[in-house]
N, C-alpha and C. Protein backbone atom coordinates (compact mmCIF):
# COMPACT_ATOMS: atom_id res chain seq x y z
N UNK A 1 87.80 159.31 131.17
CA UNK A 1 87.51 159.87 129.88
C UNK A 1 87.47 158.72 128.87
N UNK A 2 86.61 158.82 127.91
CA UNK A 2 86.49 157.79 126.88
C UNK A 2 87.49 158.03 125.76
N UNK A 3 87.72 157.00 124.96
CA UNK A 3 88.68 157.07 123.86
C UNK A 3 88.31 158.18 122.88
N UNK A 4 87.05 158.34 122.60
CA UNK A 4 86.60 159.37 121.67
C UNK A 4 86.89 160.76 122.22
N UNK A 5 86.77 160.93 123.53
CA UNK A 5 87.05 162.23 124.14
C UNK A 5 88.53 162.58 124.03
N UNK A 6 89.41 161.58 124.24
CA UNK A 6 90.84 161.82 124.04
C UNK A 6 91.11 162.21 122.59
N UNK A 7 90.51 161.48 121.69
CA UNK A 7 90.68 161.76 120.26
C UNK A 7 90.23 163.17 119.92
N UNK A 8 89.03 163.54 120.36
CA UNK A 8 88.50 164.87 120.06
C UNK A 8 89.34 165.99 120.67
N UNK A 9 90.01 165.71 121.77
CA UNK A 9 90.82 166.72 122.42
C UNK A 9 92.19 166.86 121.75
N UNK A 10 92.80 165.76 121.34
CA UNK A 10 94.18 165.80 120.86
C UNK A 10 94.35 165.76 119.35
N UNK A 11 93.38 165.25 118.63
CA UNK A 11 93.52 165.20 117.17
C UNK A 11 93.62 166.59 116.54
N UNK A 12 92.80 167.55 116.93
CA UNK A 12 92.94 168.89 116.34
C UNK A 12 94.32 169.51 116.60
N UNK A 13 94.89 169.24 117.77
CA UNK A 13 96.22 169.76 118.07
C UNK A 13 97.28 169.11 117.19
N UNK A 14 97.08 167.84 116.87
CA UNK A 14 98.05 167.13 116.05
C UNK A 14 97.96 167.58 114.59
N UNK A 15 96.76 167.84 114.13
CA UNK A 15 96.56 168.25 112.73
C UNK A 15 96.99 169.70 112.51
N UNK A 16 96.82 170.53 113.52
CA UNK A 16 97.15 171.95 113.38
C UNK A 16 98.65 172.18 113.16
N UNK A 17 99.47 171.24 113.56
CA UNK A 17 100.92 171.30 113.40
C UNK A 17 101.54 172.53 114.06
N UNK A 18 100.87 173.07 115.05
CA UNK A 18 101.45 174.17 115.83
C UNK A 18 102.55 173.60 116.73
N UNK A 19 102.28 172.41 117.26
CA UNK A 19 103.26 171.69 118.07
C UNK A 19 103.67 170.44 117.31
N UNK A 20 104.83 169.92 117.63
CA UNK A 20 105.24 168.68 116.97
C UNK A 20 104.38 167.54 117.49
N UNK A 21 104.20 166.50 116.69
CA UNK A 21 103.40 165.35 117.15
C UNK A 21 103.95 164.71 118.42
N UNK A 22 105.25 164.78 118.62
CA UNK A 22 105.85 164.21 119.83
C UNK A 22 105.35 164.93 121.07
N UNK A 23 105.24 166.23 121.01
CA UNK A 23 104.76 167.02 122.15
C UNK A 23 103.29 166.70 122.43
N UNK A 24 102.50 166.59 121.39
CA UNK A 24 101.07 166.30 121.54
C UNK A 24 100.87 164.89 122.10
N UNK A 25 101.61 163.93 121.57
CA UNK A 25 101.48 162.56 122.05
C UNK A 25 101.96 162.45 123.49
N UNK A 26 102.98 163.18 123.83
CA UNK A 26 103.47 163.19 125.21
C UNK A 26 102.40 163.73 126.16
N UNK A 27 101.75 164.80 125.77
CA UNK A 27 100.67 165.36 126.60
C UNK A 27 99.51 164.38 126.69
N UNK A 28 99.19 163.74 125.58
CA UNK A 28 98.12 162.73 125.57
C UNK A 28 98.45 161.59 126.52
N UNK A 29 99.67 161.08 126.44
CA UNK A 29 100.05 159.98 127.32
C UNK A 29 100.07 160.41 128.78
N UNK A 30 100.54 161.62 129.06
CA UNK A 30 100.54 162.11 130.44
C UNK A 30 99.14 162.13 131.03
N UNK A 31 98.19 162.65 130.26
CA UNK A 31 96.81 162.70 130.74
C UNK A 31 96.22 161.30 130.87
N UNK A 32 96.51 160.43 129.91
CA UNK A 32 96.00 159.07 129.95
C UNK A 32 96.55 158.33 131.17
N UNK A 33 97.84 158.48 131.42
CA UNK A 33 98.47 157.82 132.56
C UNK A 33 97.97 158.39 133.88
N UNK A 34 97.72 159.70 133.92
CA UNK A 34 97.16 160.32 135.11
C UNK A 34 95.76 159.75 135.39
N UNK A 35 94.95 159.62 134.35
CA UNK A 35 93.61 159.04 134.52
C UNK A 35 93.69 157.59 134.99
N UNK A 36 94.70 156.86 134.52
CA UNK A 36 94.92 155.48 134.96
C UNK A 36 95.17 155.45 136.48
N UNK A 37 96.04 156.33 136.95
CA UNK A 37 96.35 156.35 138.39
C UNK A 37 95.16 156.83 139.21
N UNK A 38 94.42 157.78 138.69
CA UNK A 38 93.23 158.25 139.41
C UNK A 38 92.18 157.14 139.53
N UNK A 39 92.01 156.38 138.46
CA UNK A 39 91.06 155.27 138.50
C UNK A 39 91.53 154.20 139.49
N UNK A 40 92.83 153.99 139.53
CA UNK A 40 93.38 153.01 140.48
C UNK A 40 93.09 153.44 141.91
N UNK A 41 93.26 154.73 142.21
CA UNK A 41 92.96 155.24 143.55
C UNK A 41 91.48 155.16 143.85
N UNK A 42 90.67 155.55 142.86
CA UNK A 42 89.22 155.58 143.06
C UNK A 42 88.66 154.19 143.36
N UNK A 43 89.19 153.19 142.66
CA UNK A 43 88.72 151.81 142.87
C UNK A 43 89.45 151.10 144.00
N UNK A 44 90.44 151.75 144.57
CA UNK A 44 91.23 151.20 145.67
C UNK A 44 91.85 149.84 145.30
N UNK A 45 92.51 149.83 144.17
CA UNK A 45 93.11 148.60 143.66
C UNK A 45 94.49 148.44 144.28
N UNK A 46 94.73 147.27 144.86
CA UNK A 46 96.01 147.00 145.48
C UNK A 46 96.59 145.65 145.13
N UNK A 47 95.78 144.78 144.56
CA UNK A 47 96.27 143.44 144.25
C UNK A 47 96.75 143.37 142.80
N UNK A 48 97.54 142.34 142.54
CA UNK A 48 98.05 142.13 141.20
C UNK A 48 96.90 141.88 140.22
N UNK A 49 95.92 141.08 140.64
CA UNK A 49 94.78 140.78 139.77
C UNK A 49 93.99 142.05 139.46
N UNK A 50 93.83 142.90 140.44
CA UNK A 50 93.10 144.15 140.23
C UNK A 50 93.81 145.09 139.29
N UNK A 51 95.12 145.23 139.49
CA UNK A 51 95.88 146.13 138.61
C UNK A 51 95.94 145.56 137.20
N UNK A 52 95.99 144.24 137.08
CA UNK A 52 96.02 143.61 135.77
C UNK A 52 94.72 143.89 135.01
N UNK A 53 93.60 143.80 135.68
CA UNK A 53 92.32 144.07 135.01
C UNK A 53 92.21 145.55 134.62
N UNK A 54 92.74 146.43 135.45
CA UNK A 54 92.71 147.86 135.11
C UNK A 54 93.62 148.14 133.92
N UNK A 55 94.77 147.49 133.87
CA UNK A 55 95.67 147.65 132.73
C UNK A 55 94.98 147.18 131.45
N UNK A 56 94.29 146.04 131.53
CA UNK A 56 93.57 145.54 130.35
C UNK A 56 92.51 146.54 129.89
N UNK A 57 91.78 147.10 130.84
CA UNK A 57 90.73 148.06 130.52
C UNK A 57 91.32 149.29 129.84
N UNK A 58 92.40 149.83 130.37
CA UNK A 58 93.00 151.02 129.78
C UNK A 58 93.72 150.69 128.48
N UNK A 59 94.24 149.48 128.35
CA UNK A 59 94.86 149.08 127.09
C UNK A 59 93.82 149.02 125.97
N UNK A 60 92.62 148.51 126.27
CA UNK A 60 91.55 148.50 125.28
C UNK A 60 91.16 149.92 124.88
N UNK A 61 91.10 150.80 125.86
CA UNK A 61 90.77 152.20 125.58
C UNK A 61 91.86 152.84 124.72
N UNK A 62 93.13 152.55 125.03
CA UNK A 62 94.25 153.10 124.26
C UNK A 62 94.18 152.63 122.81
N UNK A 63 93.96 151.32 122.62
CA UNK A 63 93.93 150.77 121.26
C UNK A 63 92.74 151.31 120.47
N UNK A 64 91.62 151.52 121.12
CA UNK A 64 90.46 152.11 120.46
C UNK A 64 90.78 153.53 120.02
N UNK A 65 91.45 154.28 120.88
CA UNK A 65 91.82 155.65 120.56
C UNK A 65 92.82 155.67 119.39
N UNK A 66 93.77 154.75 119.39
CA UNK A 66 94.75 154.67 118.31
C UNK A 66 94.05 154.37 116.98
N UNK A 67 93.07 153.47 117.00
CA UNK A 67 92.31 153.18 115.78
C UNK A 67 91.62 154.43 115.25
N UNK A 68 91.08 155.25 116.14
CA UNK A 68 90.44 156.51 115.71
C UNK A 68 91.46 157.43 115.03
N UNK A 69 92.65 157.52 115.62
CA UNK A 69 93.69 158.34 115.00
C UNK A 69 94.09 157.77 113.65
N UNK A 70 94.23 156.45 113.56
CA UNK A 70 94.65 155.82 112.31
C UNK A 70 93.60 155.98 111.21
N UNK A 71 92.32 155.93 111.58
CA UNK A 71 91.26 156.14 110.59
C UNK A 71 91.33 157.54 109.99
N UNK A 72 91.87 158.48 110.77
CA UNK A 72 92.00 159.86 110.30
C UNK A 72 93.32 160.10 109.59
N UNK A 73 94.12 159.06 109.44
CA UNK A 73 95.39 159.20 108.73
C UNK A 73 96.57 159.59 109.59
N UNK A 74 96.43 159.48 110.88
CA UNK A 74 97.50 159.83 111.81
C UNK A 74 98.08 158.54 112.40
N UNK A 75 99.29 158.19 111.97
CA UNK A 75 99.89 156.93 112.37
C UNK A 75 101.07 157.11 113.32
N UNK A 76 101.08 158.16 114.10
CA UNK A 76 102.21 158.45 114.99
C UNK A 76 102.20 157.62 116.27
N UNK A 77 101.05 157.12 116.69
CA UNK A 77 100.92 156.50 118.01
C UNK A 77 101.02 154.98 117.90
N UNK A 78 101.82 154.40 118.77
CA UNK A 78 102.00 152.96 118.82
C UNK A 78 100.79 152.31 119.49
N UNK A 79 100.14 151.34 118.84
CA UNK A 79 98.99 150.68 119.46
C UNK A 79 99.32 149.96 120.77
N UNK A 80 100.56 149.53 120.94
CA UNK A 80 100.97 148.87 122.18
C UNK A 80 101.72 149.82 123.11
N UNK A 81 101.61 151.09 122.86
CA UNK A 81 102.36 152.07 123.63
C UNK A 81 102.04 152.09 125.10
N UNK A 82 100.78 151.94 125.44
CA UNK A 82 100.40 151.98 126.85
C UNK A 82 100.94 150.77 127.59
N UNK A 83 100.75 149.58 127.04
CA UNK A 83 101.24 148.37 127.73
C UNK A 83 102.76 148.35 127.79
N UNK A 84 103.42 148.83 126.75
CA UNK A 84 104.89 148.90 126.77
C UNK A 84 105.36 149.83 127.88
N UNK A 85 104.72 150.97 128.01
CA UNK A 85 105.10 151.93 129.04
C UNK A 85 104.84 151.39 130.43
N UNK A 86 103.69 150.75 130.62
CA UNK A 86 103.38 150.16 131.93
C UNK A 86 104.40 149.09 132.28
N UNK A 87 104.75 148.26 131.32
CA UNK A 87 105.72 147.19 131.56
C UNK A 87 107.07 147.78 131.96
N UNK A 88 107.48 148.85 131.31
CA UNK A 88 108.76 149.48 131.64
C UNK A 88 108.72 150.19 132.99
N UNK A 89 107.63 150.90 133.24
CA UNK A 89 107.55 151.68 134.48
C UNK A 89 107.43 150.81 135.72
N UNK A 90 106.62 149.76 135.61
CA UNK A 90 106.37 148.91 136.76
C UNK A 90 107.16 147.60 136.76
N UNK A 91 107.88 147.36 135.65
CA UNK A 91 108.67 146.15 135.50
C UNK A 91 107.81 144.89 135.75
N UNK A 92 106.65 144.86 135.10
CA UNK A 92 105.75 143.71 135.23
C UNK A 92 105.39 143.17 133.86
N UNK A 93 105.06 141.93 133.84
CA UNK A 93 104.47 141.30 132.66
C UNK A 93 103.07 140.90 133.04
N UNK A 94 102.11 141.23 132.23
CA UNK A 94 100.73 140.93 132.56
C UNK A 94 100.11 140.13 131.43
N UNK A 95 98.99 139.54 131.74
CA UNK A 95 98.29 138.68 130.79
C UNK A 95 97.43 139.55 129.90
N UNK A 96 97.60 139.42 128.60
CA UNK A 96 96.80 140.23 127.67
C UNK A 96 95.46 139.62 127.42
């Protein structure tokens, strides 16, 4: 899914204030992380270099999506949130 598609799916939920922003961001991150793992399986990535390039690709997508939210006045999402989460989950440091 592209950054704009994530934005179009989750921004209305965040603005509607039916759910707290934490719940919406959590759902957004869950779907984003699921797509990351699906892409990893689809491309059959197993090496450190391969996973590093996939992380860079998804980090760019995450930051683009965050910029879209920020342009709309929604500053809840950390621009480095994806890389921080990957670093914590996998205990790796990668080249930005």
